[in-house]
N, C-alpha and C. Protein backbone atom coordinates (compact mmCIF):
# COMPACT_ATOMS: atom_id res chain seq x y z
N UNK A 1 27.76 43.19 43.67
CA UNK A 1 28.58 43.23 44.94
C UNK A 1 28.12 44.62 46.05
N UNK A 2 27.91 44.87 46.77
CA UNK A 2 28.20 46.05 47.57
C UNK A 2 29.39 46.05 48.86
N UNK A 3 30.53 46.76 49.00
CA UNK A 3 31.21 46.28 49.77
C UNK A 3 30.36 47.05 51.12
N UNK A 4 30.78 46.33 52.30
CA UNK A 4 30.66 46.98 53.43
C UNK A 4 31.65 48.00 53.59
N UNK A 5 30.88 49.01 54.81
CA UNK A 5 31.36 49.87 55.30
C UNK A 5 32.29 49.58 56.19
N UNK A 6 32.52 48.30 56.76
CA UNK A 6 33.83 48.10 56.96
C UNK A 6 35.14 47.75 56.42
N UNK A 7 34.63 47.80 55.04
CA UNK A 7 35.62 47.56 54.01
C UNK A 7 36.15 48.91 53.91
N UNK A 8 35.74 49.82 54.11
CA UNK A 8 36.26 51.45 53.02
C UNK A 8 36.99 51.75 54.20
N UNK A 9 37.19 51.77 54.78
CA UNK A 9 38.49 51.65 55.66
C UNK A 9 39.75 52.69 55.65
N UNK A 10 40.39 53.48 54.33
CA UNK A 10 41.07 54.00 53.63
C UNK A 10 40.73 54.91 53.78
N UNK A 11 41.37 56.77 53.71
CA UNK A 11 40.96 58.16 52.91
C UNK A 11 41.90 57.85 52.07
N UNK A 12 40.82 58.56 51.24
CA UNK A 12 41.67 59.05 49.92
C UNK A 12 40.97 60.58 49.45
N UNK A 13 41.77 61.23 49.15
CA UNK A 13 41.92 62.34 48.80
C UNK A 13 41.81 62.51 46.99
N UNK A 14 40.46 62.97 46.51
CA UNK A 14 40.31 63.05 44.83
C UNK A 14 40.97 64.57 44.45
N UNK A 15 41.74 64.85 43.16
CA UNK A 15 41.92 65.78 43.17
C UNK A 15 42.04 66.65 41.59
N UNK A 16 41.69 67.55 41.03
CA UNK A 16 41.63 68.12 39.68
C UNK A 16 42.58 68.32 39.54
N UNK A 17 42.55 68.06 38.41
CA UNK A 17 44.17 69.52 37.56
C UNK A 17 43.10 70.77 36.96
N UNK A 18 43.95 71.74 37.47
CA UNK A 18 43.76 73.48 36.83
C UNK A 18 45.03 73.81 35.63
N UNK A 19 45.30 74.27 34.84
CA UNK A 19 45.53 75.02 34.05
C UNK A 19 45.69 76.22 34.04
N UNK A 20 46.72 77.13 34.50
CA UNK A 20 47.02 78.29 34.08
C UNK A 20 47.94 78.83 33.75
N UNK A 21 48.19 80.12 33.01
CA UNK A 21 49.12 80.36 32.47
C UNK A 21 50.58 81.20 32.90
N UNK A 22 51.78 80.62 32.86
CA UNK A 22 52.42 81.42 33.74
C UNK A 22 52.90 82.94 33.01
N UNK A 23 53.85 83.67 33.84
CA UNK A 23 54.15 85.04 33.15
C UNK A 23 54.79 84.75 31.68
N UNK A 24 56.11 83.52 31.88
CA UNK A 24 56.62 83.50 30.40
C UNK A 24 55.50 82.87 29.49
N UNK A 25 54.37 82.37 29.90
CA UNK A 25 53.66 81.78 28.74
C UNK A 25 53.31 80.69 28.50
N UNK A 26 53.75 79.94 29.96
CA UNK A 26 53.63 78.72 29.72
C UNK A 26 52.89 77.55 30.31
N UNK A 27 51.92 76.56 29.64
CA UNK A 27 50.89 76.20 31.24
C UNK A 27 51.20 75.82 32.01
N UNK A 28 50.68 75.90 33.03
CA UNK A 28 51.39 75.29 34.64
C UNK A 28 50.36 74.38 34.99
N UNK A 29 49.90 73.49 35.24
CA UNK A 29 49.55 72.56 35.66
C UNK A 29 49.52 72.85 37.25
N UNK A 30 48.44 72.91 38.15
CA UNK A 30 48.29 72.83 39.71
C UNK A 30 46.91 71.95 40.12
N UNK A 31 47.69 71.00 41.25
CA UNK A 31 46.33 69.98 41.41
C UNK A 31 45.70 70.39 42.64
N UNK A 32 44.23 70.57 42.84
CA UNK A 32 43.79 71.00 43.30
C UNK A 32 42.60 69.69 43.99
N UNK A 33 42.65 69.61 45.59
CA UNK A 33 41.76 69.09 45.92
C UNK A 33 40.31 69.26 45.69
N UNK A 34 39.63 68.16 44.91
CA UNK A 34 38.50 68.35 45.06
C UNK A 34 37.29 67.73 45.75
N UNK A 35 37.55 66.61 46.18
CA UNK A 35 36.91 65.58 47.52
C UNK A 35 38.14 65.21 48.45
N UNK A 36 38.13 65.54 49.81
CA UNK A 36 38.87 64.71 50.80
C UNK A 36 38.33 63.94 51.42
N UNK A 37 38.81 63.03 52.43
CA UNK A 37 38.55 62.47 53.38
C UNK A 37 37.15 61.30 53.15
N UNK A 38 37.32 60.88 51.73
CA UNK A 38 37.06 60.01 51.00
C UNK A 38 36.88 58.92 51.35
N UNK A 39 35.96 57.89 51.78
CA UNK A 39 36.45 56.38 52.82
C UNK A 39 35.89 55.66 51.71
N UNK A 40 37.39 54.50 51.05
CA UNK A 40 37.15 54.06 49.89
C UNK A 40 37.91 51.95 50.48
N UNK A 41 37.60 51.37 49.55
CA UNK A 41 38.49 50.40 49.97
C UNK A 41 39.64 49.78 48.98
N UNK A 42 40.68 49.60 49.23
CA UNK A 42 41.76 49.82 47.95
C UNK A 42 42.19 48.50 47.87
N UNK A 43 42.34 47.87 47.06
CA UNK A 43 42.86 46.29 46.60
C UNK A 43 43.52 46.66 45.71
N UNK A 44 44.70 46.69 45.45
CA UNK A 44 46.29 46.10 44.49
C UNK A 44 45.88 45.36 43.97
N UNK A 45 46.05 45.40 42.65
CA UNK A 45 45.64 44.42 41.67
C UNK A 45 47.30 43.83 40.80
N UNK A 46 47.86 44.35 40.93
CA UNK A 46 49.15 44.15 40.43
C UNK A 46 50.12 45.47 40.08
N UNK A 47 51.42 44.81 39.97
CA UNK A 47 52.69 45.98 39.83
C UNK A 47 53.09 46.02 38.40
N UNK A 48 53.75 46.67 38.13
CA UNK A 48 54.13 46.65 36.90
C UNK A 48 55.34 47.00 37.07
N UNK A 49 56.54 47.44 36.11
CA UNK A 49 58.10 47.73 35.89
C UNK A 49 58.28 47.94 34.03
N UNK A 50 58.70 49.10 33.74
CA UNK A 50 59.03 49.13 32.61
C UNK A 50 60.06 49.65 32.67
N UNK A 51 60.96 49.62 31.23
CA UNK A 51 62.31 50.56 31.30
C UNK A 51 62.13 51.87 30.03
N UNK A 52 62.26 52.50 30.59
CA UNK A 52 62.61 54.02 29.66
C UNK A 52 64.17 54.55 30.04
N UNK A 53 64.54 54.26 28.57
CA UNK A 53 66.24 55.02 28.36
C UNK A 53 66.66 53.98 29.19
N UNK A 54 67.83 54.32 30.26
CA UNK A 54 68.70 53.72 31.41
C UNK A 54 67.91 53.39 32.56
N UNK A 55 66.51 53.84 33.04
CA UNK A 55 65.62 53.61 33.92
C UNK A 55 64.68 52.68 34.02
N UNK A 56 64.83 52.17 35.41
CA UNK A 56 63.10 51.26 35.87
C UNK A 56 62.25 52.17 35.91
N UNK A 57 61.23 51.83 35.51
CA UNK A 57 59.98 52.71 36.37
C UNK A 57 59.25 51.34 37.22
N UNK A 58 58.70 51.56 38.03
CA UNK A 58 58.23 50.61 39.43
C UNK A 58 56.09 51.25 38.98
N UNK A 59 55.92 51.06 38.98
CA UNK A 59 53.98 51.03 39.43
C UNK A 59 53.73 49.95 39.84
N UNK A 60 52.53 50.67 40.09
CA UNK A 60 51.22 49.44 41.17
C UNK A 60 50.00 49.95 39.92
N UNK A 61 49.37 48.96 40.38
CA UNK A 61 47.88 49.10 39.63
C UNK A 61 46.78 48.66 40.74
N UNK A 62 45.68 49.15 40.65
CA UNK A 62 44.58 49.12 41.72
C UNK A 62 43.58 49.59 41.71
N UNK A 63 42.86 48.90 42.32
CA UNK A 63 41.26 49.20 42.35
C UNK A 63 40.69 50.06 43.87
N UNK A 64 39.74 51.15 43.61
CA UNK A 64 39.71 51.97 45.09
C UNK A 64 38.15 52.11 44.64
N UNK A 65 37.25 50.76 45.60
CA UNK A 65 36.25 51.29 45.85
C UNK A 65 35.29 52.03 46.47
N UNK A 66 34.56 53.15 45.77
CA UNK A 66 34.19 54.09 46.81
C UNK A 66 32.08 54.17 46.92
N UNK A 67 31.89 54.61 47.50
CA UNK A 67 30.78 55.15 47.04
C UNK A 67 29.96 55.98 45.72
N UNK A 68 29.18 55.98 45.46
CA UNK A 68 28.67 56.88 44.10
C UNK A 68 28.37 58.37 44.08
N UNK A 69 29.26 58.93 43.32
CA UNK A 69 28.70 60.33 43.63
C UNK A 69 29.23 60.74 42.05
N UNK A 70 28.75 61.90 41.75
CA UNK A 70 29.08 62.38 40.34
C UNK A 70 29.95 63.13 40.44
N UNK A 71 30.59 63.11 39.43
CA UNK A 71 31.67 64.24 39.13
C UNK A 71 33.06 63.79 39.04
N UNK A 72 32.98 62.17 38.93
CA UNK A 72 34.41 61.62 39.18
C UNK A 72 34.76 61.51 37.39
N UNK A 73 36.22 61.97 36.81
CA UNK A 73 36.47 61.26 35.92
C UNK A 73 38.27 61.17 35.28
N UNK A 74 38.35 60.46 34.46
CA UNK A 74 39.78 59.63 34.32
C UNK A 74 40.37 61.23 33.80
N UNK A 75 40.53 62.27 34.26
CA UNK A 75 41.22 63.25 33.94
C UNK A 75 41.75 63.55 35.49
N UNK A 76 41.25 63.40 36.81
CA UNK A 76 41.36 63.01 37.95
C UNK A 76 42.43 62.09 38.45
N UNK A 77 42.96 62.62 39.50
CA UNK A 77 43.78 61.76 40.33
C UNK A 77 43.59 61.14 41.70
N UNK A 78 44.06 60.60 42.31
CA UNK A 78 44.23 60.30 43.68
C UNK A 78 45.34 60.09 44.65
N UNK A 79 44.88 60.40 45.78
CA UNK A 79 46.49 60.56 46.74
C UNK A 79 45.82 59.84 48.05
N UNK A 80 46.71 58.52 48.13
CA UNK A 80 46.67 57.80 49.19
C UNK A 80 47.95 57.48 49.35
N UNK A 81 47.81 56.92 51.13
CA UNK A 81 49.02 56.46 51.64
C UNK A 81 50.17 57.27 50.99
N UNK A 82 50.27 58.60 50.65
CA UNK A 82 50.81 59.47 50.23
C UNK A 82 51.86 58.89 48.67
N UNK A 83 51.23 58.32 47.80
CA UNK A 83 51.14 58.02 46.55
C UNK A 83 49.97 58.74 45.73
N UNK A 84 50.46 59.08 44.48
CA UNK A 84 49.28 59.58 43.69
C UNK A 84 49.26 58.45 42.36
N UNK A 85 47.68 58.57 42.38
CA UNK A 85 47.24 57.25 41.36
C UNK A 85 46.42 58.26 40.28
N UNK A 86 47.30 57.83 38.90
CA UNK A 86 46.02 58.52 38.07
C UNK A 86 44.98 57.42 37.51
N UNK A 87 43.91 57.91 37.37
CA UNK A 87 42.40 57.34 37.53
C UNK A 87 42.85 56.66 35.76
N UNK A 88 42.25 55.46 35.43
CA UNK A 88 42.38 54.83 34.24
C UNK A 88 40.85 54.12 33.73
N UNK A 89 40.06 54.47 34.50
CA UNK A 89 38.65 53.72 33.76
C UNK A 89 38.18 53.92 35.48
N UNK A 90 36.42 54.28 35.21
CA UNK A 90 35.27 54.62 36.56
C UNK A 90 34.22 53.73 36.07
N UNK A 91 33.66 52.33 36.94
CA UNK A 91 33.02 51.45 36.47
C UNK A 91 31.82 51.42 37.85
N UNK A 92 30.74 51.95 37.26
CA UNK A 92 29.50 51.71 38.01
C UNK A 92 29.26 50.25 38.72
N UNK A 93 29.22 49.67 39.41
CA UNK A 93 29.24 48.55 40.26
C UNK A 93 28.22 47.86 39.86
N UNK A 94 27.77 47.18 38.65
CA UNK A 94 26.67 46.58 38.85
C UNK A 94 25.54 47.44 38.26
N UNK A 95 26.11 48.43 37.63
CA UNK A 95 25.53 49.58 36.68
C UNK A 95 24.33 50.52 37.44
N UNK A 96 24.36 50.42 38.85
CA UNK A 96 23.89 51.00 39.16
C UNK A 96 24.65 51.89 40.15
N UNK A 97 23.41 53.18 40.38
CA UNK A 97 24.30 54.56 41.30
C UNK A 97 24.23 53.93 42.56
N UNK A 98 25.25 53.33 43.13
CA UNK A 98 25.41 52.92 44.41
C UNK A 98 27.22 52.96 44.68
N UNK A 99 27.47 52.38 44.00
CA UNK A 99 29.44 51.98 44.32
C UNK A 99 29.85 52.29 42.77
N UNK A 100 31.40 52.66 42.97
CA UNK A 100 32.01 53.17 41.76
C UNK A 100 33.16 52.00 42.08
N UNK A 101 34.01 51.39 41.32
CA UNK A 101 35.08 50.86 41.06
C UNK A 101 36.10 51.63 40.87
N UNK A 102 36.85 51.76 40.55
CA UNK A 102 37.71 53.33 40.35
C UNK A 102 39.14 52.41 40.12
N UNK A 103 39.50 52.28 38.72
CA UNK A 103 40.88 51.82 37.91
C UNK A 103 42.09 52.88 38.07
N UNK A 104 42.94 52.65 38.85
CA UNK A 104 44.60 53.18 38.76
C UNK A 104 45.27 53.05 38.51
N UNK A 105 46.51 53.46 38.69
CA UNK A 105 48.02 53.68 37.88
C UNK A 105 48.64 54.19 38.88
N UNK A 106 49.50 53.85 39.47
CA UNK A 106 50.73 54.53 40.16
C UNK A 106 51.97 54.52 39.22
N UNK A 107 52.64 55.83 39.31
CA UNK A 107 54.06 55.23 38.71
C UNK A 107 55.05 56.11 39.94
N UNK A 108 56.24 54.87 40.07
CA UNK A 108 56.69 55.46 41.32
C UNK A 108 58.79 55.80 40.94
């Protein structure tokens, strides 16, 4: 089922990681914008809480629906409303090259 353009009212930024080597020899990961101002539908699907050590970590699971484009990978992340989401899975809707469902998870 295709999403109407009116539902894609959110604007997101896709970022990809670039690794460089610092003067100390340590790898440094920098995130650079891959695609900006991408229209998307944002669908929260649930929240998570985990305990690590003595701290509680909260997160959100969601789906972003975007128009189909080549090049998106699970090594990228999405910035939406000041929250970073790691991409966990990318699904072609109905197996066609029209729309993508991008499953994501944030940790805040």
